[in-house]
Protein backbone atom coordinates (compact mmCIF):
# COMPACT_ATOMS: atom_id res chain seq x y z
CA MET A 1 -30.34 -82.09 -128.20
CA ILE A 2 -28.54 -82.39 -131.47
CA ASP A 3 -25.83 -80.14 -130.16
CA LEU A 4 -24.81 -82.88 -127.73
CA HIS A 5 -23.20 -84.75 -130.60
CA ASP A 6 -20.58 -81.93 -130.56
CA PRO A 7 -17.95 -83.25 -128.02
CA ALA A 8 -17.24 -79.77 -126.73
CA VAL A 9 -20.85 -79.13 -125.95
CA ALA A 10 -21.33 -82.58 -124.42
CA ARG A 11 -18.17 -82.20 -122.25
CA SER A 12 -19.42 -78.71 -121.03
CA VAL A 13 -22.80 -80.27 -120.11
CA LEU A 14 -21.03 -83.02 -118.19
CA GLU A 15 -18.77 -80.53 -116.35
CA ALA A 16 -21.89 -78.48 -115.43
CA LEU A 17 -23.16 -81.42 -113.62
CA ARG A 18 -20.19 -81.08 -111.12
CA ARG A 19 -21.42 -77.61 -110.00
CA LYS A 20 -24.26 -76.56 -107.74
CA ARG A 21 -26.38 -73.55 -108.62
CA ASP A 22 -24.30 -71.32 -106.45
CA GLY A 23 -21.05 -72.38 -108.30
CA ASP A 24 -19.56 -74.63 -105.65
CA MET A 25 -18.57 -78.12 -106.41
CA ALA A 26 -21.42 -80.73 -105.89
CA ALA A 27 -20.85 -83.87 -103.96
CA PRO A 28 -19.90 -86.96 -105.91
CA GLU A 29 -23.18 -88.74 -105.23
CA THR A 30 -25.18 -85.69 -106.49
CA VAL A 31 -23.03 -85.65 -109.69
CA ARG A 32 -23.63 -89.33 -110.12
CA ARG A 33 -27.45 -88.87 -109.65
CA LYS A 34 -27.54 -85.91 -112.07
CA ARG A 35 -25.57 -87.87 -114.75
CA LYS A 36 -27.97 -90.87 -114.29
CA VAL A 37 -30.95 -88.59 -114.98
CA LEU A 38 -29.22 -87.05 -118.13
CA VAL A 39 -28.39 -90.58 -119.49
CA HIS A 40 -31.98 -91.75 -119.00
CA ALA A 41 -33.29 -88.63 -120.74
CA LEU A 42 -30.89 -89.36 -123.63
CA HIS A 43 -32.10 -92.99 -123.78
CA ASP A 44 -35.66 -91.73 -124.01
CA ALA A 45 -34.82 -89.32 -126.82
CA ILE A 46 -33.21 -92.20 -128.61
CA GLU A 47 -36.31 -94.31 -128.21
CA GLN A 48 -38.57 -91.57 -129.49
CA GLY A 49 -36.27 -91.05 -132.49
CA GLU A 50 -35.06 -87.58 -131.56
CA LEU A 51 -31.49 -88.87 -131.44
CA GLY A 52 -29.88 -91.47 -133.60
CA THR A 53 -26.99 -92.41 -131.27
CA HIS A 54 -26.04 -91.79 -127.66
CA PRO A 55 -23.99 -88.57 -127.69
CA LEU A 56 -22.01 -89.32 -124.38
CA GLU A 57 -20.68 -92.66 -125.45
CA ARG A 58 -17.76 -91.10 -127.18
CA ILE A 59 -16.68 -88.95 -124.36
CA ARG A 60 -14.38 -90.12 -121.56
CA TRP A 61 -15.63 -88.55 -118.40
CA ARG A 62 -15.83 -89.86 -114.75
CA VAL A 63 -17.77 -88.86 -111.76
CA PRO A 64 -15.43 -87.55 -109.14
CA LYS A 65 -14.44 -89.90 -106.40
CA GLN A 66 -15.75 -89.57 -102.86
CA SER A 67 -13.05 -88.43 -100.43
CA VAL A 68 -12.45 -90.59 -97.47
CA ALA A 69 -10.77 -88.05 -95.24
CA VAL A 70 -11.41 -88.43 -91.53
CA PHE A 71 -11.89 -85.15 -89.64
CA PRO A 72 -10.41 -85.23 -86.10
CA ARG A 73 -13.28 -83.13 -84.80
CA VAL A 74 -15.75 -85.89 -85.66
CA VAL A 75 -13.70 -88.94 -84.52
CA VAL A 76 -13.42 -89.83 -80.81
CA ASN A 77 -9.84 -89.91 -79.59
CA PRO A 78 -8.54 -92.56 -77.12
CA GLN A 79 -8.95 -90.19 -74.15
CA GLN A 80 -12.49 -89.31 -75.00
CA ALA A 81 -13.33 -92.94 -75.51
CA GLN A 82 -12.06 -93.71 -71.94
CA ASN A 83 -14.20 -90.91 -70.56
CA LEU A 84 -17.23 -92.28 -72.34
CA VAL A 85 -17.08 -95.84 -70.69
CA PRO A 86 -18.28 -94.78 -67.19
CA HIS A 87 -20.99 -92.60 -68.71
CA GLN A 88 -22.27 -95.49 -70.76
CA ALA A 89 -22.48 -97.67 -67.73
CA THR A 90 -24.26 -94.94 -65.79
CA PHE A 91 -26.73 -94.52 -68.66
CA ALA A 92 -27.26 -98.27 -68.83
CA LEU A 93 -27.96 -98.61 -65.19
CA SER A 94 -30.35 -95.58 -65.18
CA THR A 95 -32.35 -97.20 -68.03
CA GLY A 96 -32.48 -100.65 -66.39
CA VAL A 97 -29.94 -102.42 -68.63
CA THR A 98 -27.63 -104.65 -66.80
CA PRO A 99 -23.83 -104.09 -67.09
CA SER A 100 -23.38 -107.54 -68.67
CA ARG A 101 -25.88 -106.61 -71.37
CA VAL A 102 -23.93 -103.39 -72.09
CA GLU A 103 -20.73 -105.50 -72.27
CA GLN A 104 -22.31 -107.86 -74.71
CA GLN A 105 -23.49 -104.99 -76.97
CA VAL A 106 -20.02 -103.34 -76.89
CA MET A 107 -18.39 -106.71 -77.85
CA ARG A 108 -20.96 -107.27 -80.58
CA ASP A 109 -20.33 -103.68 -81.94
CA ASP A 110 -16.57 -104.29 -81.85
CA ALA A 111 -16.95 -107.55 -83.82
CA THR A 112 -18.97 -105.98 -86.54
CA ARG A 113 -17.16 -102.66 -86.78
CA PRO A 114 -14.85 -102.60 -89.78
CA ARG A 115 -11.12 -102.13 -88.98
CA ILE A 116 -9.59 -99.00 -90.45
CA ALA A 117 -5.84 -98.95 -91.20
CA MET A 118 -4.22 -95.68 -90.07
């Protein structure tokens, strides 16, 4: 652990957190979790007297940001949404839910759904 005081070694350890075992890039939440485990291990080493100072405090490094791209294959387009309305009513009637109850649920969902600017 003493080698972590060398900035080049510490930076290479942090960069290794960004990769999965197969070499692909890891998801940002995975990198964040791995870094948290590393930081806690270093804090434990400091408490036990193995390290004098925290070796990562001097290095500027950020966890990659999560992308917010919307994939068209996943999002319902307006035509698909119009086609879903009759199916939703048919499903509701076949399960014993009244159409007014379906309408109330849809209105409540619309009110709580965040608006996304395109």
